[in-house]
Amino acid sequence: MISARCGSVQPELTEFGCFGPPDSVSSSDCQRHMEKYDANIDISVVTVSYNSSAVLPHLLDVFRDSGLAVTVVDNASTDGTRELVRSNYPEVELIENSTNLGYGRAANVALKGAETPFVLLLNPDVTLHLEQVIKLLRRAKDHPCASIISAATTLEKYDENVEVESVEVVLGAVMLLNMNRLKEVGFFDEKFFLFFEETDLCRRSIDHGLEVLLCRDILMPHVKGRSTPSSEKIQFVRNWHYAWSQCYFNRKYGYERALTVRMQVYKIRMKALLARLLGNRPLYKKYLAKAAGRYAFMCGIEAFDDYDRPQMFD
């Protein structure tokens, strides 16, 4: 439901010269008009990277010569990501964090300094075209009561016959943020390291009477796990924080009590033991990490230590 404060239409924002019927927009037209109206651009782009050198160039190439302000917030990569951006994309703003802040905290660094009315937050491994960005921005302007608008990130969610759908949550890989609306809600909850931070943001937006929309006729594919190379250690950290974040989210909104957390820890430990007896090491490590994450939450341990380093990361 839309609140009364969303009943009024926002003042019309500066439009690109390439705004017209959807089928009339071409990549070259968008690039030409973006350059022409560079001083009045309404949207900037932010991506958070961690050891993303293999996929990041494909994303940054989309916005080369577009006139859009692009920011890469790097979470202390060690694979040459920073050197790649500095050498090959000097027009891109590079924010170099001294430690891995996770997704939400790192995104907040850029969002707090954003000067455009809209910010497109993307994972480094998202595949998209410039004209899709313009189309998504047009939808955002058509729905001024929406704080978050996303595109279909899988073929299962894609439907060329459905333009806009009101949803409870969208994937954090593609989020077009209406900054004026989002400031009413607040940015990402910085208690999260990984997982559920976008779910929390969507929930708070809806609780504020704002809309969360999914444009199902715009496909921006995202393959989970490609942003950062995987390893057994990385998987353990991800599973630990998935369990911790799930507990924190559920406790925050009253979905789960302490007794339930303890019961879940016990059940997951039993699953880990069974997987070990069956000789399934990957499944054993997965359940072990999730049990540890839940137990840590139950003991009052935060996702970050006193030095703002994520738990279990070192």
C-alpha atoms as a PDB file:
ATOM      1  CA  MET A   1       0.000   0.000   0.000  1.00  0.00           C
ATOM      2  CA  ILE A   2       1.224   3.477  -0.870  1.00  0.00           C
ATOM      3  CA  SER A   3       1.333   5.993   1.941  1.00  0.00           C
ATOM      4  CA  ALA A   4      -0.241   9.443   1.744  1.00  0.00           C
ATOM      5  CA  ARG A   5       3.136  11.093   1.380  1.00  0.00           C
ATOM      6  CA  CYS A   6       3.627   9.159  -1.858  1.00  0.00           C
ATOM      7  CA  GLY A   7       0.415  10.439  -3.325  1.00  0.00           C
ATOM      8  CA  SER A   8       2.083  13.507  -4.784  1.00  0.00           C
ATOM      9  CA  VAL A   9       4.190  13.289  -7.900  1.00  0.00           C
ATOM     10  CA  GLN A  10       7.815  14.316  -7.627  1.00  0.00           C
ATOM     11  CA  PRO A  11       8.952  17.317  -9.674  1.00  0.00           C
ATOM     12  CA  GLU A  12       9.912  16.333 -13.208  1.00  0.00           C
ATOM     13  CA  LEU A  13      13.597  15.527 -13.465  1.00  0.00           C
ATOM     14  CA  THR A  14      15.835  16.461 -16.369  1.00  0.00           C
ATOM     15  CA  GLU A  15      15.283  13.943 -19.175  1.00  0.00           C
ATOM     16  CA  PHE A  16      17.742  12.594 -21.690  1.00  0.00           C
ATOM     17  CA  GLY A  17      17.276  13.534 -25.300  1.00  0.00           C
ATOM     18  CA  CYS A  18      17.018   9.841 -26.157  1.00  0.00           C
ATOM     19  CA  PHE A  19      13.832   9.354 -24.111  1.00  0.00           C
ATOM     20  CA  GLY A  20      11.091   8.285 -26.461  1.00  0.00           C
ATOM     21  CA  PRO A  21       9.100   5.187 -27.366  1.00  0.00           C
ATOM     22  CA  PRO A  22      10.886   2.086 -25.992  1.00  0.00           C
ATOM     23  CA  ASP A  23      11.656   0.660 -29.426  1.00  0.00           C
ATOM     24  CA  SER A  24      13.228   3.908 -30.627  1.00  0.00           C
ATOM     25  CA  VAL A  25      16.124   3.862 -28.161  1.00  0.00           C
ATOM     26  CA  SER A  26      19.482   2.701 -29.515  1.00  0.00           C
ATOM     27  CA  SER A  27      22.816   2.398 -27.771  1.00  0.00           C
ATOM     28  CA  SER A  28      24.498   4.930 -30.047  1.00  0.00           C
ATOM     29  CA  ASP A  29      21.645   7.431 -29.585  1.00  0.00           C
ATOM     30  CA  CYS A  30      21.838   7.063 -25.812  1.00  0.00           C
ATOM     31  CA  GLN A  31      25.589   7.555 -25.764  1.00  0.00           C
ATOM     32  CA  ARG A  32      25.364  10.635 -27.995  1.00  0.00           C
ATOM     33  CA  HIS A  33      22.620  12.257 -25.929  1.00  0.00           C
ATOM     34  CA  MET A  34      24.264  11.351 -22.642  1.00  0.00           C
ATOM     35  CA  GLU A  35      27.377  13.193 -23.746  1.00  0.00           C
ATOM     36  CA  LYS A  36      25.310  16.167 -24.902  1.00  0.00           C
ATOM     37  CA  TYR A  37      23.409  16.437 -21.612  1.00  0.00           C
ATOM     38  CA  ASP A  38      26.271  15.327 -19.380  1.00  0.00           C
ATOM     39  CA  ALA A  39      25.754  18.231 -16.959  1.00  0.00           C
ATOM     40  CA  ASN A  40      22.188  17.132 -16.251  1.00  0.00           C
ATOM     41  CA  ILE A  41      22.612  13.390 -15.903  1.00  0.00           C
ATOM     42  CA  ASP A  42      20.099  11.942 -13.454  1.00  0.00           C
ATOM     43  CA  ILE A  43      21.757   8.627 -12.739  1.00  0.00           C
ATOM     44  CA  SER A  44      25.130   7.313 -11.597  1.00  0.00           C
ATOM     45  CA  VAL A  45      26.420   3.752 -11.312  1.00  0.00           C
ATOM     46  CA  VAL A  46      27.972   1.984  -8.320  1.00  0.00           C
ATOM     47  CA  THR A  47      29.460  -1.504  -8.124  1.00  0.00           C
ATOM     48  CA  VAL A  48      31.141  -3.285  -5.212  1.00  0.00           C
ATOM     49  CA  SER A  49      34.108  -5.487  -6.056  1.00  0.00           C
ATOM     50  CA  TYR A  50      36.162  -8.110  -4.279  1.00  0.00           C
ATOM     51  CA  ASN A  51      38.696  -9.976  -6.436  1.00  0.00           C
ATOM     52  CA  SER A  52      36.474  -9.263  -9.440  1.00  0.00           C
ATOM     53  CA  SER A  53      39.108  -8.594 -12.100  1.00  0.00           C
ATOM     54  CA  ALA A  54      37.796 -11.413 -14.321  1.00  0.00           C
ATOM     55  CA  VAL A  55      34.289  -9.967 -14.675  1.00  0.00           C
ATOM     56  CA  LEU A  56      34.550  -6.260 -13.889  1.00  0.00           C
ATOM     57  CA  PRO A  57      35.828  -5.118 -17.342  1.00  0.00           C
ATOM     58  CA  HIS A  58      32.686  -6.432 -19.053  1.00  0.00           C
ATOM     59  CA  LEU A  59      30.564  -4.216 -16.825  1.00  0.00           C
ATOM     60  CA  LEU A  60      32.734  -1.101 -17.007  1.00  0.00           C
ATOM     61  CA  ASP A  61      32.983  -1.335 -20.808  1.00  0.00           C
ATOM     62  CA  VAL A  62      29.209  -0.850 -21.018  1.00  0.00           C
ATOM     63  CA  PHE A  63      29.504   2.632 -19.510  1.00  0.00           C
ATOM     64  CA  ARG A  64      32.678   3.774 -21.270  1.00  0.00           C
ATOM     65  CA  ASP A  65      32.033   7.075 -23.087  1.00  0.00           C
ATOM     66  CA  SER A  66      28.445   7.139 -21.772  1.00  0.00           C
ATOM     67  CA  GLY A  67      28.904  10.276 -19.686  1.00  0.00           C
ATOM     68  CA  LEU A  68      27.597   8.469 -16.612  1.00  0.00           C
ATOM     69  CA  ALA A  69      29.519   8.744 -13.359  1.00  0.00           C
ATOM     70  CA  VAL A  70      30.701   5.258 -12.367  1.00  0.00           C
ATOM     71  CA  THR A  71      32.119   4.315  -8.961  1.00  0.00           C
ATOM     72  CA  VAL A  72      33.859   1.073  -8.035  1.00  0.00           C
ATOM     73  CA  VAL A  73      34.029   0.411  -4.298  1.00  0.00           C
ATOM     74  CA  ASP A  74      36.736  -2.195  -3.839  1.00  0.00           C
ATOM     75  CA  ASN A  75      36.842  -4.368  -0.732  1.00  0.00           C
ATOM     76  CA  ALA A  76      40.621  -4.868  -0.459  1.00  0.00           C
ATOM     77  CA  SER A  77      41.014  -7.057  -3.545  1.00  0.00           C
ATOM     78  CA  THR A  78      44.294  -8.904  -4.031  1.00  0.00           C
ATOM     79  CA  ASP A  79      43.814 -10.068  -7.637  1.00  0.00           C
ATOM     80  CA  GLY A  80      44.710  -6.830  -9.431  1.00  0.00           C
ATOM     81  CA  THR A  81      41.197  -5.379  -9.512  1.00  0.00           C
ATOM     82  CA  ARG A  82      42.360  -1.977  -8.314  1.00  0.00           C
ATOM     83  CA  GLU A  83      45.279  -1.831 -10.750  1.00  0.00           C
ATOM     84  CA  LEU A  84      42.932  -2.805 -13.582  1.00  0.00           C
ATOM     85  CA  VAL A  85      40.532   0.044 -12.822  1.00  0.00           C
ATOM     86  CA  ARG A  86      43.298   2.620 -12.376  1.00  0.00           C
ATOM     87  CA  SER A  87      45.080   1.622 -15.588  1.00  0.00           C
ATOM     88  CA  ASN A  88      42.202   0.903 -17.970  1.00  0.00           C
ATOM     89  CA  TYR A  89      39.359   3.033 -16.611  1.00  0.00           C
ATOM     90  CA  PRO A  90      40.785   6.346 -15.407  1.00  0.00           C
ATOM     91  CA  GLU A  91      37.352   7.965 -15.769  1.00  0.00           C
ATOM     92  CA  VAL A  92      35.945   5.625 -13.085  1.00  0.00           C
ATOM     93  CA  GLU A  93      36.031   6.721  -9.448  1.00  0.00           C
ATOM     94  CA  LEU A  94      37.808   4.057  -7.393  1.00  0.00           C
ATOM     95  CA  ILE A  95      37.178   3.872  -3.656  1.00  0.00           C
ATOM     96  CA  GLU A  96      39.737   1.604  -2.001  1.00  0.00           C
ATOM     97  CA  ASN A  97      38.630   0.107   1.291  1.00  0.00           C
ATOM     98  CA  SER A  98      41.390  -1.118   3.591  1.00  0.00           C
ATOM     99  CA  THR A  99      39.383  -4.214   4.529  1.00  0.00           C
ATOM    100  CA  ASN A 100      36.471  -6.223   3.186  1.00  0.00           C
ATOM    101  CA  LEU A 101      33.383  -4.327   4.349  1.00  0.00           C
ATOM    102  CA  GLY A 102      30.920  -6.668   2.700  1.00  0.00           C
ATOM    103  CA  TYR A 103      28.226  -5.596   0.249  1.00  0.00           C
ATOM    104  CA  GLY A 104      25.993  -3.239   2.207  1.00  0.00           C
ATOM    105  CA  ARG A 105      28.686  -1.315   4.078  1.00  0.00           C
ATOM    106  CA  ALA A 106      30.754  -0.853   0.921  1.00  0.00           C
ATOM    107  CA  ALA A 107      27.735   0.274  -1.092  1.00  0.00           C
ATOM    108  CA  ASN A 108      26.879   2.789   1.622  1.00  0.00           C
ATOM    109  CA  VAL A 109      30.290   4.429   1.206  1.00  0.00           C
ATOM    110  CA  ALA A 110      29.351   5.401  -2.348  1.00  0.00           C
ATOM    111  CA  LEU A 111      25.660   6.050  -1.677  1.00  0.00           C
ATOM    112  CA  LYS A 112      26.422   8.574   1.055  1.00  0.00           C
ATOM    113  CA  GLY A 113      28.404  10.634  -1.447  1.00  0.00           C
ATOM    114  CA  ALA A 114      26.052  10.252  -4.415  1.00  0.00           C
ATOM    115  CA  GLU A 115      24.889  13.483  -6.034  1.00  0.00           C
ATOM    116  CA  THR A 116      22.463  12.124  -8.644  1.00  0.00           C
ATOM    117  CA  PRO A 117      18.728  11.610  -8.021  1.00  0.00           C
ATOM    118  CA  PHE A 118      19.078   7.941  -8.956  1.00  0.00           C
ATOM    119  CA  VAL A 119      21.872   5.424  -8.355  1.00  0.00           C
ATOM    120  CA  LEU A 120      22.129   2.092 -10.160  1.00  0.00           C
ATOM    121  CA  LEU A 121      23.758  -0.449  -7.850  1.00  0.00           C
ATOM    122  CA  LEU A 122      25.153  -3.452  -9.730  1.00  0.00           C
ATOM    123  CA  ASN A 123      27.112  -6.606  -9.053  1.00  0.00           C
ATOM    124  CA  PRO A 124      30.299  -6.784 -11.167  1.00  0.00           C
ATOM    125  CA  ASP A 125      29.066  -9.910 -12.980  1.00  0.00           C
ATOM    126  CA  VAL A 126      25.761  -8.484 -14.236  1.00  0.00           C
ATOM    127  CA  THR A 127      25.299  -8.451 -18.020  1.00  0.00           C
ATOM    128  CA  LEU A 128      23.400  -5.472 -19.424  1.00  0.00           C
ATOM    129  CA  HIS A 129      23.178  -2.915 -22.214  1.00  0.00           C
ATOM    130  CA  LEU A 130      23.124   0.848 -21.923  1.00  0.00           C
ATOM    131  CA  GLU A 131      19.644   1.169 -23.418  1.00  0.00           C
ATOM    132  CA  GLN A 132      18.328  -1.104 -20.648  1.00  0.00           C
ATOM    133  CA  VAL A 133      19.642   1.345 -18.072  1.00  0.00           C
ATOM    134  CA  ILE A 134      17.746   4.174 -19.786  1.00  0.00           C
ATOM    135  CA  LYS A 135      14.601   2.049 -19.891  1.00  0.00           C
ATOM    136  CA  LEU A 136      14.913   1.220 -16.188  1.00  0.00           C
ATOM    137  CA  LEU A 137      15.428   4.900 -15.349  1.00  0.00           C
ATOM    138  CA  ARG A 138      12.309   5.835 -17.314  1.00  0.00           C
ATOM    139  CA  ARG A 139      10.320   3.318 -15.287  1.00  0.00           C
ATOM    140  CA  ALA A 140      11.661   4.825 -12.071  1.00  0.00           C
ATOM    141  CA  LYS A 141      10.514   8.266 -13.131  1.00  0.00           C
ATOM    142  CA  ASP A 142       7.106   6.871 -14.007  1.00  0.00           C
ATOM    143  CA  HIS A 143       6.800   5.434 -10.475  1.00  0.00           C
ATOM    144  CA  PRO A 144       7.948   8.187  -8.089  1.00  0.00           C
ATOM    145  CA  CYS A 145       6.700   6.266  -5.035  1.00  0.00           C
ATOM    146  CA  ALA A 146       9.152   3.430  -5.648  1.00  0.00           C
ATOM    147  CA  SER A 147      12.376   3.545  -3.662  1.00  0.00           C
ATOM    148  CA  ILE A 148      13.864   0.466  -5.349  1.00  0.00           C
ATOM    149  CA  ILE A 149      13.391  -0.807  -8.896  1.00  0.00           C
ATOM    150  CA  SER A 150      15.062  -3.888 -10.326  1.00  0.00           C
ATOM    151  CA  ALA A 151      15.202  -5.946 -13.504  1.00  0.00           C
ATOM    152  CA  ALA A 152      14.842  -9.676 -14.068  1.00  0.00           C
ATOM    153  CA  THR A 153      18.185 -11.327 -13.305  1.00  0.00           C
ATOM    154  CA  THR A 154      17.253 -14.829 -14.499  1.00  0.00           C
ATOM    155  CA  LEU A 155      15.273 -16.231 -17.403  1.00  0.00           C
ATOM    156  CA  GLU A 156      12.781 -17.638 -14.908  1.00  0.00           C
ATOM    157  CA  LYS A 157      11.897 -14.116 -13.755  1.00  0.00           C
ATOM    158  CA  TYR A 158      11.895 -12.616 -17.256  1.00  0.00           C
ATOM    159  CA  ASP A 159       8.538 -11.969 -18.926  1.00  0.00           C
ATOM    160  CA  GLU A 160       8.406  -9.634 -21.907  1.00  0.00           C
ATOM    161  CA  ASN A 161       4.674  -9.109 -21.330  1.00  0.00           C
ATOM    162  CA  VAL A 162       5.014  -7.804 -17.751  1.00  0.00           C
ATOM    163  CA  GLU A 163       6.474  -4.309 -17.467  1.00  0.00           C
ATOM    164  CA  VAL A 164       6.272  -3.597 -13.741  1.00  0.00           C
ATOM    165  CA  GLU A 165       5.342  -5.816 -10.813  1.00  0.00           C
ATOM    166  CA  SER A 166       5.131  -4.862  -7.151  1.00  0.00           C
ATOM    167  CA  VAL A 167       7.213  -7.297  -5.072  1.00  0.00           C
ATOM    168  CA  GLU A 168       8.415  -7.704  -1.498  1.00  0.00           C
ATOM    169  CA  VAL A 169      12.100  -8.126  -2.326  1.00  0.00           C
ATOM    170  CA  VAL A 170      14.493  -7.874  -5.271  1.00  0.00           C
ATOM    171  CA  LEU A 171      17.987  -9.230  -5.722  1.00  0.00           C
ATOM    172  CA  GLY A 172      20.786  -6.903  -4.657  1.00  0.00           C
ATOM    173  CA  ALA A 173      22.639  -7.578  -7.923  1.00  0.00           C
ATOM    174  CA  VAL A 174      20.515  -4.961  -9.725  1.00  0.00           C
ATOM    175  CA  MET A 175      18.943  -2.151  -7.724  1.00  0.00           C
ATOM    176  CA  LEU A 176      17.998   1.247  -9.128  1.00  0.00           C
ATOM    177  CA  LEU A 177      17.665   3.444  -6.066  1.00  0.00           C
ATOM    178  CA  ASN A 178      15.551   6.582  -5.880  1.00  0.00           C
ATOM    179  CA  MET A 179      17.838   8.545  -3.575  1.00  0.00           C
ATOM    180  CA  ASN A 180      15.212  11.028  -2.377  1.00  0.00           C
ATOM    181  CA  ARG A 181      12.945   8.182  -1.314  1.00  0.00           C
ATOM    182  CA  LEU A 182      15.751   6.057   0.082  1.00  0.00           C
ATOM    183  CA  LYS A 183      16.894   8.845   2.367  1.00  0.00           C
ATOM    184  CA  GLU A 184      13.511   8.511   4.109  1.00  0.00           C
ATOM    185  CA  VAL A 185      14.311   4.849   4.775  1.00  0.00           C
ATOM    186  CA  GLY A 186      18.052   4.889   5.331  1.00  0.00           C
ATOM    187  CA  PHE A 187      20.701   2.977   3.455  1.00  0.00           C
ATOM    188  CA  PHE A 188      21.862  -0.598   4.024  1.00  0.00           C
ATOM    189  CA  ASP A 189      21.956  -1.873   7.608  1.00  0.00           C
ATOM    190  CA  GLU A 190      25.688  -2.083   8.331  1.00  0.00           C
ATOM    191  CA  LYS A 191      25.349  -4.926  10.804  1.00  0.00           C
ATOM    192  CA  PHE A 192      25.160  -7.303   7.814  1.00  0.00           C
ATOM    193  CA  PHE A 193      28.363  -8.496   6.143  1.00  0.00           C
ATOM    194  CA  LEU A 194      26.767 -10.655   3.459  1.00  0.00           C
ATOM    195  CA  PHE A 195      23.225 -11.798   2.655  1.00  0.00           C
ATOM    196  CA  PHE A 196      19.808 -10.412   3.602  1.00  0.00           C
ATOM    197  CA  GLU A 197      20.956  -6.779   3.420  1.00  0.00           C
ATOM    198  CA  GLU A 198      18.833  -6.170   0.310  1.00  0.00           C
ATOM    199  CA  THR A 199      15.924  -8.073   1.876  1.00  0.00           C
ATOM    200  CA  ASP A 200      16.157  -5.800   4.906  1.00  0.00           C
ATOM    201  CA  LEU A 201      16.297  -2.659   2.752  1.00  0.00           C
ATOM    202  CA  CYS A 202      13.247  -3.735   0.763  1.00  0.00           C
ATOM    203  CA  ARG A 203      11.367  -4.566   3.947  1.00  0.00           C
ATOM    204  CA  ARG A 204      12.128  -1.154   5.463  1.00  0.00           C
ATOM    205  CA  SER A 205      11.081   0.576   2.236  1.00  0.00           C
ATOM    206  CA  ILE A 206       7.716  -1.157   2.227  1.00  0.00           C
ATOM    207  CA  ASP A 207       7.270  -0.442   5.932  1.00  0.00           C
ATOM    208  CA  HIS A 208       7.742   3.256   5.056  1.00  0.00           C
ATOM    209  CA  GLY A 209       4.891   3.063   2.563  1.00  0.00           C
ATOM    210  CA  LEU A 210       7.155   3.002  -0.482  1.00  0.00           C
ATOM    211  CA  GLU A 211       7.134   0.569  -3.393  1.00  0.00           C
ATOM    212  CA  VAL A 212       9.639  -2.075  -4.474  1.00  0.00           C
ATOM    213  CA  LEU A 213       9.215  -2.847  -8.155  1.00  0.00           C
ATOM    214  CA  LEU A 214      10.487  -5.519 -10.533  1.00  0.00           C
ATOM    215  CA  CYS A 215      10.600  -4.762 -14.269  1.00  0.00           C
ATOM    216  CA  ARG A 216      10.224  -8.276 -15.602  1.00  0.00           C
ATOM    217  CA  ASP A 217      10.508  -7.269 -19.258  1.00  0.00           C
ATOM    218  CA  ILE A 218      14.089  -6.055 -18.726  1.00  0.00           C
ATOM    219  CA  LEU A 219      16.613  -8.886 -18.470  1.00  0.00           C
ATOM    220  CA  MET A 220      19.979  -8.243 -16.794  1.00  0.00           C
ATOM    221  CA  PRO A 221      21.441 -11.724 -16.205  1.00  0.00           C
ATOM    222  CA  HIS A 222      23.372 -12.364 -13.013  1.00  0.00           C
ATOM    223  CA  VAL A 223      25.153 -15.640 -12.323  1.00  0.00           C
ATOM    224  CA  LYS A 224      25.561 -16.150  -8.586  1.00  0.00           C
ATOM    225  CA  GLY A 225      29.117 -16.647  -7.409  1.00  0.00           C
ATOM    226  CA  ARG A 226      30.898 -15.163 -10.427  1.00  0.00           C
ATOM    227  CA  SER A 227      31.725 -11.832  -8.785  1.00  0.00           C
ATOM    228  CA  THR A 228      34.366 -13.489  -6.581  1.00  0.00           C
ATOM    229  CA  PRO A 229      36.335 -16.703  -7.229  1.00  0.00           C
ATOM    230  CA  SER A 230      35.272 -19.493  -4.921  1.00  0.00           C
ATOM    231  CA  SER A 231      37.273 -21.746  -2.606  1.00  0.00           C
ATOM    232  CA  GLU A 232      36.523 -23.961   0.370  1.00  0.00           C
ATOM    233  CA  LYS A 233      37.465 -21.113   2.709  1.00  0.00           C
ATOM    234  CA  ILE A 234      35.282 -18.589   0.869  1.00  0.00           C
ATOM    235  CA  GLN A 235      32.354 -21.009   0.909  1.00  0.00           C
ATOM    236  CA  PHE A 236      32.755 -21.504   4.656  1.00  0.00           C
ATOM    237  CA  VAL A 237      32.713 -17.736   5.230  1.00  0.00           C
ATOM    238  CA  ARG A 238      29.663 -17.304   2.990  1.00  0.00           C
ATOM    239  CA  ASN A 239      27.733 -20.073   4.755  1.00  0.00           C
ATOM    240  CA  TRP A 240      28.710 -18.747   8.207  1.00  0.00           C
ATOM    241  CA  HIS A 241      27.487 -15.256   7.360  1.00  0.00           C
ATOM    242  CA  TYR A 242      24.374 -16.530   5.587  1.00  0.00           C
ATOM    243  CA  ALA A 243      23.321 -18.250   8.810  1.00  0.00           C
ATOM    244  CA  TRP A 244      24.273 -15.259  10.984  1.00  0.00           C
ATOM    245  CA  SER A 245      22.475 -12.777   8.737  1.00  0.00           C
ATOM    246  CA  GLN A 246      19.373 -14.940   8.563  1.00  0.00           C
ATOM    247  CA  CYS A 247      19.227 -15.058  12.363  1.00  0.00           C
ATOM    248  CA  TYR A 248      19.760 -11.303  12.636  1.00  0.00           C
ATOM    249  CA  PHE A 249      17.086 -10.541  10.042  1.00  0.00           C
ATOM    250  CA  ASN A 250      14.578 -12.884  11.659  1.00  0.00           C
ATOM    251  CA  ARG A 251      15.257 -11.517  15.142  1.00  0.00           C
ATOM    252  CA  LYS A 252      15.027  -7.931  13.872  1.00  0.00           C
ATOM    253  CA  TYR A 253      11.508  -8.494  12.539  1.00  0.00           C
ATOM    254  CA  GLY A 254      10.318 -10.870  15.249  1.00  0.00           C
ATOM    255  CA  TYR A 255      10.298 -13.994  13.096  1.00  0.00           C
ATOM    256  CA  GLU A 256      12.541 -16.097  15.297  1.00  0.00           C
ATOM    257  CA  ARG A 257      13.095 -16.386  19.041  1.00  0.00           C
ATOM    258  CA  ALA A 258      16.196 -17.503  20.908  1.00  0.00           C
ATOM    259  CA  LEU A 259      14.772 -20.991  21.496  1.00  0.00           C
ATOM    260  CA  THR A 260      14.208 -21.423  17.759  1.00  0.00           C
ATOM    261  CA  VAL A 261      17.807 -20.412  17.039  1.00  0.00           C
ATOM    262  CA  ARG A 262      19.087 -23.019  19.504  1.00  0.00           C
ATOM    263  CA  MET A 263      16.877 -25.707  17.934  1.00  0.00           C
ATOM    264  CA  GLN A 264      18.127 -24.789  14.463  1.00  0.00           C
ATOM    265  CA  VAL A 265      21.746 -25.019  15.636  1.00  0.00           C
ATOM    266  CA  TYR A 266      21.053 -28.503  16.957  1.00  0.00           C
ATOM    267  CA  LYS A 267      19.338 -29.631  13.736  1.00  0.00           C
ATOM    268  CA  ILE A 268      22.106 -28.275  11.506  1.00  0.00           C
ATOM    269  CA  ARG A 269      24.756 -29.956  13.656  1.00  0.00           C
ATOM    270  CA  MET A 270      22.941 -33.265  13.202  1.00  0.00           C
ATOM    271  CA  LYS A 271      22.901 -32.708   9.435  1.00  0.00           C
ATOM    272  CA  ALA A 272      26.636 -31.953   9.528  1.00  0.00           C
ATOM    273  CA  LEU A 273      27.312 -35.149  11.462  1.00  0.00           C
ATOM    274  CA  LEU A 274      25.270 -37.202   8.995  1.00  0.00           C
ATOM    275  CA  ALA A 275      27.087 -35.660   6.030  1.00  0.00           C
ATOM    276  CA  ARG A 276      30.422 -36.468   7.656  1.00  0.00           C
ATOM    277  CA  LEU A 277      29.401 -40.090   8.265  1.00  0.00           C
ATOM    278  CA  LEU A 278      28.401 -40.345   4.613  1.00  0.00           C
ATOM    279  CA  GLY A 279      31.748 -38.929   3.522  1.00  0.00           C
ATOM    280  CA  ASN A 280      30.250 -35.834   1.886  1.00  0.00           C
ATOM    281  CA  ARG A 281      32.868 -33.236   2.802  1.00  0.00           C
ATOM    282  CA  PRO A 282      31.354 -30.221   0.941  1.00  0.00           C
ATOM    283  CA  LEU A 283      27.964 -30.777   2.575  1.00  0.00           C
ATOM    284  CA  TYR A 284      29.596 -31.374   5.956  1.00  0.00           C
ATOM    285  CA  LYS A 285      31.528 -28.084   5.731  1.00  0.00           C
ATOM    286  CA  LYS A 286      28.389 -26.243   4.614  1.00  0.00           C
ATOM    287  CA  TYR A 287      26.323 -27.406   7.591  1.00  0.00           C
ATOM    288  CA  LEU A 288      29.236 -26.930   9.970  1.00  0.00           C
ATOM    289  CA  ALA A 289      29.622 -23.304   8.863  1.00  0.00           C
ATOM    290  CA  LYS A 290      25.892 -22.613   9.156  1.00  0.00           C
ATOM    291  CA  ALA A 291      25.753 -24.147  12.620  1.00  0.00           C
ATOM    292  CA  ALA A 292      28.744 -22.032  13.666  1.00  0.00           C
ATOM    293  CA  GLY A 293      27.142 -18.863  12.304  1.00  0.00           C
ATOM    294  CA  ARG A 294      23.889 -19.488  14.141  1.00  0.00           C
ATOM    295  CA  TYR A 295      25.699 -20.394  17.348  1.00  0.00           C
ATOM    296  CA  ALA A 296      27.789 -17.206  17.119  1.00  0.00           C
ATOM    297  CA  PHE A 297      24.635 -15.123  16.749  1.00  0.00           C
ATOM    298  CA  MET A 298      23.076 -16.909  19.711  1.00  0.00           C
ATOM    299  CA  CYS A 299      26.174 -16.024  21.772  1.00  0.00           C
ATOM    300  CA  GLY A 300      25.895 -12.334  20.871  1.00  0.00           C
ATOM    301  CA  ILE A 301      28.819 -12.260  18.427  1.00  0.00           C
ATOM    302  CA  GLU A 302      28.483  -9.591  15.712  1.00  0.00           C
ATOM    303  CA  ALA A 303      29.196 -10.087  12.000  1.00  0.00           C
ATOM    304  CA  PHE A 304      32.201  -7.736  12.333  1.00  0.00           C
ATOM    305  CA  ASP A 305      34.858  -7.749  15.030  1.00  0.00           C
ATOM    306  CA  ASP A 306      35.978  -4.699  17.020  1.00  0.00           C
ATOM    307  CA  TYR A 307      38.299  -3.686  14.161  1.00  0.00           C
ATOM    308  CA  ASP A 308      35.483  -3.782  11.570  1.00  0.00           C
ATOM    309  CA  ARG A 309      36.820  -6.989  10.055  1.00  0.00           C
ATOM    310  CA  PRO A 310      34.258  -9.644   9.065  1.00  0.00           C
ATOM    311  CA  GLN A 311      34.154 -12.676  11.338  1.00  0.00           C
ATOM    312  CA  MET A 312      35.800 -15.873  10.016  1.00  0.00           C
ATOM    313  CA  PHE A 313      37.353 -14.001   7.079  1.00  0.00           C
ATOM    314  CA  ASP A 314      41.022 -14.171   8.135  1.00  0.00           C
END
